[in-house]
Amino acid sequence: MRRKREGGTKRRIIETAILLFSEKSYSKVSTRDIAKAVEIRPASLYSHFKSKADILEQIYKLYEDKAKTISPDMINLLSLARTTHPHELLKRAQYFFDPADQELMDRIVLIASIESRTDEKSAAFIERNLLGKTSAITRSLLKRMLQLGRIEPMDIDAYVTIVTNLHYSTAIRNFSNNPVSLDEWLRANEFLTEIVKPTGV
């Protein structure tokens, strides 16, 4: 029972920190502020985290752990490149957070975006999760389909830049007063998918 309560408290600290960091900025929130919002003593917070920086690291870990559970299986996708229609393959490469997690994940991206200007770990988080991952998935699939002669020659670098910019800007905009709906997201991705021209069509 004690372990469950500690786990619950740790999660509440993380979620409260995400809320405060995204609304007030990381630099303007103290561990005391977080403890007060969670309604625990500051000493109790330090039984779960070494520092405010540790909390931020755990926030980024939460995002990455969630992302791992929904990321596409690249080995499987690449194996399907020979037999699956290129547009269908690109659609299968798309992944989404559970709606119950989406706001929390958007807040984490917002925190990282702001902190990336001065913090190397935050910049690395953005590169790894919002730019590098999308870029690697899209680039690998397009290169494989080109090698197999499944799609017409195209500027892969330009295409990847557009796709990664869409992912990044959507993640930031989702925490604004004008978020991108799932339908808008799907239509934007479908539009980009249509740019890729299958051979023999």
C-alpha atoms as a PDB file:
ATOM      1  CA  MET A   1       0.000   0.000   0.000  1.00  0.00           C
ATOM      2  CA  ARG A   2       2.810   2.398   0.856  1.00  0.00           C
ATOM      3  CA  ARG A   3       4.468   1.884  -2.531  1.00  0.00           C
ATOM      4  CA  LYS A   4       1.212   2.656  -4.338  1.00  0.00           C
ATOM      5  CA  ARG A   5       0.779   5.892  -2.416  1.00  0.00           C
ATOM      6  CA  GLU A   6       4.365   6.942  -3.175  1.00  0.00           C
ATOM      7  CA  GLY A   7       3.877   6.177  -6.840  1.00  0.00           C
ATOM      8  CA  GLY A   8       0.695   8.203  -6.827  1.00  0.00           C
ATOM      9  CA  THR A   9       2.411  11.141  -5.158  1.00  0.00           C
ATOM     10  CA  LYS A  10       5.300  11.047  -7.594  1.00  0.00           C
ATOM     11  CA  ARG A  11       2.897  11.081 -10.526  1.00  0.00           C
ATOM     12  CA  ARG A  12       0.948  13.992  -8.998  1.00  0.00           C
ATOM     13  CA  ILE A  13       4.178  15.937  -8.571  1.00  0.00           C
ATOM     14  CA  ILE A  14       5.096  15.349 -12.217  1.00  0.00           C
ATOM     15  CA  GLU A  15       1.650  16.287 -13.544  1.00  0.00           C
ATOM     16  CA  THR A  16       1.473  19.374 -11.323  1.00  0.00           C
ATOM     17  CA  ALA A  17       4.955  20.439 -12.442  1.00  0.00           C
ATOM     18  CA  ILE A  18       3.916  20.036 -16.089  1.00  0.00           C
ATOM     19  CA  LEU A  19       0.923  22.279 -15.467  1.00  0.00           C
ATOM     20  CA  LEU A  20       2.951  24.946 -13.641  1.00  0.00           C
ATOM     21  CA  PHE A  21       5.956  24.873 -15.989  1.00  0.00           C
ATOM     22  CA  SER A  22       3.729  25.185 -19.063  1.00  0.00           C
ATOM     23  CA  GLU A  23       1.703  28.061 -17.627  1.00  0.00           C
ATOM     24  CA  LYS A  24       4.379  30.065 -15.789  1.00  0.00           C
ATOM     25  CA  SER A  25       7.656  28.756 -17.315  1.00  0.00           C
ATOM     26  CA  TYR A  26      10.209  26.484 -15.726  1.00  0.00           C
ATOM     27  CA  SER A  27      12.409  29.305 -14.424  1.00  0.00           C
ATOM     28  CA  LYS A  28       9.554  30.995 -12.554  1.00  0.00           C
ATOM     29  CA  VAL A  29       8.374  27.907 -10.683  1.00  0.00           C
ATOM     30  CA  SER A  30      10.164  26.637  -7.568  1.00  0.00           C
ATOM     31  CA  THR A  31      10.019  23.215  -5.969  1.00  0.00           C
ATOM     32  CA  ARG A  32       8.217  24.932  -3.100  1.00  0.00           C
ATOM     33  CA  ASP A  33       5.542  26.115  -5.543  1.00  0.00           C
ATOM     34  CA  ILE A  34       5.124  22.571  -6.812  1.00  0.00           C
ATOM     35  CA  ALA A  35       4.937  21.096  -3.305  1.00  0.00           C
ATOM     36  CA  LYS A  36       2.342  23.673  -2.305  1.00  0.00           C
ATOM     37  CA  ALA A  37       0.184  22.902  -5.352  1.00  0.00           C
ATOM     38  CA  VAL A  38       0.406  19.163  -4.648  1.00  0.00           C
ATOM     39  CA  GLU A  39      -0.334  19.882  -0.957  1.00  0.00           C
ATOM     40  CA  ILE A  40       2.768  18.168   0.398  1.00  0.00           C
ATOM     41  CA  ARG A  41       5.772  19.428   2.352  1.00  0.00           C
ATOM     42  CA  PRO A  42       8.839  20.442   0.304  1.00  0.00           C
ATOM     43  CA  ALA A  43      10.799  17.736   2.133  1.00  0.00           C
ATOM     44  CA  SER A  44       8.318  15.158   0.828  1.00  0.00           C
ATOM     45  CA  LEU A  45       8.961  16.320  -2.734  1.00  0.00           C
ATOM     46  CA  TYR A  46      12.690  15.711  -2.270  1.00  0.00           C
ATOM     47  CA  SER A  47      12.001  12.122  -1.236  1.00  0.00           C
ATOM     48  CA  HIS A  48      10.860  11.580  -4.839  1.00  0.00           C
ATOM     49  CA  PHE A  49      13.123  13.959  -6.790  1.00  0.00           C
ATOM     50  CA  LYS A  50      16.659  15.236  -6.279  1.00  0.00           C
ATOM     51  CA  SER A  51      15.970  18.672  -7.742  1.00  0.00           C
ATOM     52  CA  LYS A  52      13.775  20.707 -10.047  1.00  0.00           C
ATOM     53  CA  ALA A  53      16.026  19.649 -12.930  1.00  0.00           C
ATOM     54  CA  ASP A  54      15.339  16.030 -11.985  1.00  0.00           C
ATOM     55  CA  ILE A  55      11.605  16.711 -12.210  1.00  0.00           C
ATOM     56  CA  LEU A  56      12.079  18.133 -15.701  1.00  0.00           C
ATOM     57  CA  GLU A  57      14.068  15.061 -16.760  1.00  0.00           C
ATOM     58  CA  GLN A  58      11.297  12.806 -15.465  1.00  0.00           C
ATOM     59  CA  ILE A  59       8.730  14.861 -17.374  1.00  0.00           C
ATOM     60  CA  TYR A  60      10.637  14.272 -20.603  1.00  0.00           C
ATOM     61  CA  LYS A  61      10.955  10.579 -19.728  1.00  0.00           C
ATOM     62  CA  LEU A  62       7.183  10.370 -19.275  1.00  0.00           C
ATOM     63  CA  TYR A  63       6.703  11.714 -22.801  1.00  0.00           C
ATOM     64  CA  GLU A  64       9.231   9.349 -24.308  1.00  0.00           C
ATOM     65  CA  ASP A  65       7.844   6.324 -22.475  1.00  0.00           C
ATOM     66  CA  LYS A  66       4.350   7.136 -23.793  1.00  0.00           C
ATOM     67  CA  ALA A  67       5.706   7.704 -27.306  1.00  0.00           C
ATOM     68  CA  LYS A  68       7.407   4.295 -27.312  1.00  0.00           C
ATOM     69  CA  THR A  69       4.071   2.568 -26.804  1.00  0.00           C
ATOM     70  CA  ILE A  70       2.546   4.142 -29.931  1.00  0.00           C
ATOM     71  CA  SER A  71       5.551   4.387 -32.252  1.00  0.00           C
ATOM     72  CA  PRO A  72       5.301   2.397 -35.495  1.00  0.00           C
ATOM     73  CA  ASP A  73       7.262  -0.825 -35.903  1.00  0.00           C
ATOM     74  CA  MET A  74       9.828   0.280 -38.493  1.00  0.00           C
ATOM     75  CA  ILE A  75      11.061  -3.229 -39.277  1.00  0.00           C
ATOM     76  CA  ASN A  76       7.510  -4.254 -40.115  1.00  0.00           C
ATOM     77  CA  LEU A  77       6.814  -1.082 -42.132  1.00  0.00           C
ATOM     78  CA  LEU A  78       9.982  -1.468 -44.194  1.00  0.00           C
ATOM     79  CA  SER A  79       9.120  -5.103 -44.890  1.00  0.00           C
ATOM     80  CA  LEU A  80       5.746  -3.980 -46.258  1.00  0.00           C
ATOM     81  CA  ALA A  81       7.297  -1.465 -48.677  1.00  0.00           C
ATOM     82  CA  ARG A  82       7.434  -4.013 -51.489  1.00  0.00           C
ATOM     83  CA  THR A  83       3.742  -4.951 -51.376  1.00  0.00           C
ATOM     84  CA  THR A  84       1.849  -2.076 -49.751  1.00  0.00           C
ATOM     85  CA  HIS A  85       0.655   0.984 -51.672  1.00  0.00           C
ATOM     86  CA  PRO A  86       3.046   3.886 -50.885  1.00  0.00           C
ATOM     87  CA  HIS A  87       0.252   6.122 -49.590  1.00  0.00           C
ATOM     88  CA  GLU A  88      -1.044   3.395 -47.286  1.00  0.00           C
ATOM     89  CA  LEU A  89       2.471   2.768 -45.999  1.00  0.00           C
ATOM     90  CA  LEU A  90       2.963   6.442 -45.128  1.00  0.00           C
ATOM     91  CA  LYS A  91      -0.395   6.480 -43.347  1.00  0.00           C
ATOM     92  CA  ARG A  92       0.610   3.469 -41.268  1.00  0.00           C
ATOM     93  CA  ALA A  93       3.696   5.381 -40.149  1.00  0.00           C
ATOM     94  CA  GLN A  94       1.532   8.021 -38.437  1.00  0.00           C
ATOM     95  CA  TYR A  95       0.980   7.679 -34.711  1.00  0.00           C
ATOM     96  CA  PHE A  96      -1.148   9.471 -32.132  1.00  0.00           C
ATOM     97  CA  PHE A  97      -1.265   9.748 -28.369  1.00  0.00           C
ATOM     98  CA  ASP A  98      -4.337   8.526 -26.563  1.00  0.00           C
ATOM     99  CA  PRO A  99      -6.789  11.464 -26.309  1.00  0.00           C
ATOM    100  CA  ALA A 100      -6.604  11.169 -22.500  1.00  0.00           C
ATOM    101  CA  ASP A 101      -2.844  11.859 -22.685  1.00  0.00           C
ATOM    102  CA  GLN A 102      -2.806  14.444 -25.470  1.00  0.00           C
ATOM    103  CA  GLU A 103      -3.060  17.649 -23.411  1.00  0.00           C
ATOM    104  CA  LEU A 104      -0.330  16.537 -21.019  1.00  0.00           C
ATOM    105  CA  MET A 105       1.945  15.605 -23.941  1.00  0.00           C
ATOM    106  CA  ASP A 106       1.269  18.953 -25.648  1.00  0.00           C
ATOM    107  CA  ARG A 107       2.189  20.778 -22.455  1.00  0.00           C
ATOM    108  CA  ILE A 108       5.466  18.852 -22.282  1.00  0.00           C
ATOM    109  CA  VAL A 109       6.300  19.871 -25.857  1.00  0.00           C
ATOM    110  CA  LEU A 110       5.526  23.494 -24.985  1.00  0.00           C
ATOM    111  CA  ILE A 111       7.839  23.354 -21.951  1.00  0.00           C
ATOM    112  CA  ALA A 112      10.640  21.796 -23.996  1.00  0.00           C
ATOM    113  CA  SER A 113      10.200  24.328 -26.810  1.00  0.00           C
ATOM    114  CA  ILE A 114      10.566  27.268 -24.445  1.00  0.00           C
ATOM    115  CA  GLU A 115      13.453  25.735 -22.498  1.00  0.00           C
ATOM    116  CA  SER A 116      15.281  24.567 -25.636  1.00  0.00           C
ATOM    117  CA  ARG A 117      16.530  28.120 -26.184  1.00  0.00           C
ATOM    118  CA  THR A 118      18.767  27.894 -23.111  1.00  0.00           C
ATOM    119  CA  ASP A 119      18.820  24.240 -22.059  1.00  0.00           C
ATOM    120  CA  GLU A 120      20.705  21.596 -24.035  1.00  0.00           C
ATOM    121  CA  LYS A 121      18.663  18.688 -22.657  1.00  0.00           C
ATOM    122  CA  SER A 122      15.415  20.349 -23.709  1.00  0.00           C
ATOM    123  CA  ALA A 123      16.831  21.083 -27.159  1.00  0.00           C
ATOM    124  CA  ALA A 124      17.906  17.442 -27.441  1.00  0.00           C
ATOM    125  CA  PHE A 125      14.407  16.339 -26.394  1.00  0.00           C
ATOM    126  CA  ILE A 126      12.836  18.404 -29.193  1.00  0.00           C
ATOM    127  CA  GLU A 127      15.341  17.122 -31.734  1.00  0.00           C
ATOM    128  CA  ARG A 128      14.865  13.526 -30.663  1.00  0.00           C
ATOM    129  CA  ASN A 129      11.083  13.447 -30.363  1.00  0.00           C
ATOM    130  CA  LEU A 130       9.626  16.164 -32.584  1.00  0.00           C
ATOM    131  CA  LEU A 131      12.136  16.412 -35.400  1.00  0.00           C
ATOM    132  CA  GLY A 132      14.551  13.494 -35.513  1.00  0.00           C
ATOM    133  CA  LYS A 133      12.020  10.721 -34.979  1.00  0.00           C
ATOM    134  CA  THR A 134       9.563  11.930 -37.610  1.00  0.00           C
ATOM    135  CA  SER A 135      12.429  12.639 -39.988  1.00  0.00           C
ATOM    136  CA  ALA A 136      13.955   9.176 -39.534  1.00  0.00           C
ATOM    137  CA  ILE A 137      10.644   7.354 -40.064  1.00  0.00           C
ATOM    138  CA  THR A 138       9.650   9.321 -43.167  1.00  0.00           C
ATOM    139  CA  ARG A 139      13.134   9.326 -44.707  1.00  0.00           C
ATOM    140  CA  SER A 140      13.590   5.572 -44.211  1.00  0.00           C
ATOM    141  CA  LEU A 141      10.261   4.721 -45.830  1.00  0.00           C
ATOM    142  CA  LEU A 142      10.770   7.029 -48.808  1.00  0.00           C
ATOM    143  CA  LYS A 143      14.313   5.773 -49.436  1.00  0.00           C
ATOM    144  CA  ARG A 144      13.147   2.174 -49.279  1.00  0.00           C
ATOM    145  CA  MET A 145      10.271   2.807 -51.696  1.00  0.00           C
ATOM    146  CA  LEU A 146      12.641   4.611 -54.075  1.00  0.00           C
ATOM    147  CA  GLN A 147      15.077   1.672 -53.965  1.00  0.00           C
ATOM    148  CA  LEU A 148      12.221  -0.688 -54.802  1.00  0.00           C
ATOM    149  CA  GLY A 149      10.988   1.556 -57.625  1.00  0.00           C
ATOM    150  CA  ARG A 150       7.620   1.965 -55.876  1.00  0.00           C
ATOM    151  CA  ILE A 151       7.599   5.778 -56.092  1.00  0.00           C
ATOM    152  CA  GLU A 152       8.780   8.353 -58.617  1.00  0.00           C
ATOM    153  CA  PRO A 153      12.013  10.277 -57.909  1.00  0.00           C
ATOM    154  CA  MET A 154      11.460  13.123 -55.452  1.00  0.00           C
ATOM    155  CA  ASP A 155      13.300  15.561 -53.192  1.00  0.00           C
ATOM    156  CA  ILE A 156      13.241  13.536 -49.983  1.00  0.00           C
ATOM    157  CA  ASP A 157      15.014  16.227 -47.934  1.00  0.00           C
ATOM    158  CA  ALA A 158      12.438  18.876 -48.834  1.00  0.00           C
ATOM    159  CA  TYR A 159       9.557  16.505 -48.159  1.00  0.00           C
ATOM    160  CA  VAL A 160      10.959  15.471 -44.770  1.00  0.00           C
ATOM    161  CA  THR A 161      11.417  19.136 -43.814  1.00  0.00           C
ATOM    162  CA  ILE A 162       7.758  19.855 -44.550  1.00  0.00           C
ATOM    163  CA  VAL A 163       6.568  16.804 -42.605  1.00  0.00           C
ATOM    164  CA  THR A 164       8.693  17.513 -39.538  1.00  0.00           C
ATOM    165  CA  ASN A 165       7.635  21.177 -39.538  1.00  0.00           C
ATOM    166  CA  LEU A 166       3.999  20.071 -39.629  1.00  0.00           C
ATOM    167  CA  HIS A 167       4.509  17.761 -36.636  1.00  0.00           C
ATOM    168  CA  TYR A 168       6.359  20.371 -34.615  1.00  0.00           C
ATOM    169  CA  SER A 169       4.059  23.309 -35.351  1.00  0.00           C
ATOM    170  CA  THR A 170       0.967  21.189 -34.688  1.00  0.00           C
ATOM    171  CA  ALA A 171       2.309  20.114 -31.298  1.00  0.00           C
ATOM    172  CA  ILE A 172       2.914  23.749 -30.335  1.00  0.00           C
ATOM    173  CA  ARG A 173      -0.403  24.978 -31.715  1.00  0.00           C
ATOM    174  CA  ASN A 174      -2.330  22.292 -29.850  1.00  0.00           C
ATOM    175  CA  PHE A 175      -1.726  24.183 -26.643  1.00  0.00           C
ATOM    176  CA  SER A 176      -2.997  27.475 -28.067  1.00  0.00           C
ATOM    177  CA  ASN A 177      -6.565  28.783 -28.257  1.00  0.00           C
ATOM    178  CA  ASN A 178      -6.770  27.352 -31.769  1.00  0.00           C
ATOM    179  CA  PRO A 179      -5.701  23.695 -31.552  1.00  0.00           C
ATOM    180  CA  VAL A 180      -5.526  21.409 -34.559  1.00  0.00           C
ATOM    181  CA  SER A 181      -8.366  18.901 -34.632  1.00  0.00           C
ATOM    182  CA  LEU A 182      -7.681  15.272 -35.451  1.00  0.00           C
ATOM    183  CA  ASP A 183      -9.632  15.688 -38.694  1.00  0.00           C
ATOM    184  CA  GLU A 184      -7.485  18.693 -39.699  1.00  0.00           C
ATOM    185  CA  TRP A 185      -4.343  16.746 -38.834  1.00  0.00           C
ATOM    186  CA  LEU A 186      -5.408  13.764 -40.911  1.00  0.00           C
ATOM    187  CA  ARG A 187      -6.343  15.943 -43.896  1.00  0.00           C
ATOM    188  CA  ALA A 188      -3.009  17.777 -43.744  1.00  0.00           C
ATOM    189  CA  ASN A 189      -1.142  14.477 -43.665  1.00  0.00           C
ATOM    190  CA  GLU A 190      -3.258  13.113 -46.505  1.00  0.00           C
ATOM    191  CA  PHE A 191      -2.415  16.191 -48.569  1.00  0.00           C
ATOM    192  CA  LEU A 192       1.301  15.601 -47.966  1.00  0.00           C
ATOM    193  CA  THR A 193       0.934  11.911 -48.745  1.00  0.00           C
ATOM    194  CA  GLU A 194      -0.560  12.744 -52.151  1.00  0.00           C
ATOM    195  CA  ILE A 195       2.674  14.568 -53.069  1.00  0.00           C
ATOM    196  CA  VAL A 196       4.400  11.167 -53.138  1.00  0.00           C
ATOM    197  CA  LYS A 197       3.680   9.713 -56.591  1.00  0.00           C
ATOM    198  CA  PRO A 198       3.528   5.919 -56.925  1.00  0.00           C
ATOM    199  CA  THR A 199       5.100   4.514 -60.079  1.00  0.00           C
ATOM    200  CA  GLY A 200       2.906   3.058 -62.780  1.00  0.00           C
ATOM    201  CA  VAL A 201      -0.043   5.332 -61.980  1.00  0.00           C
END
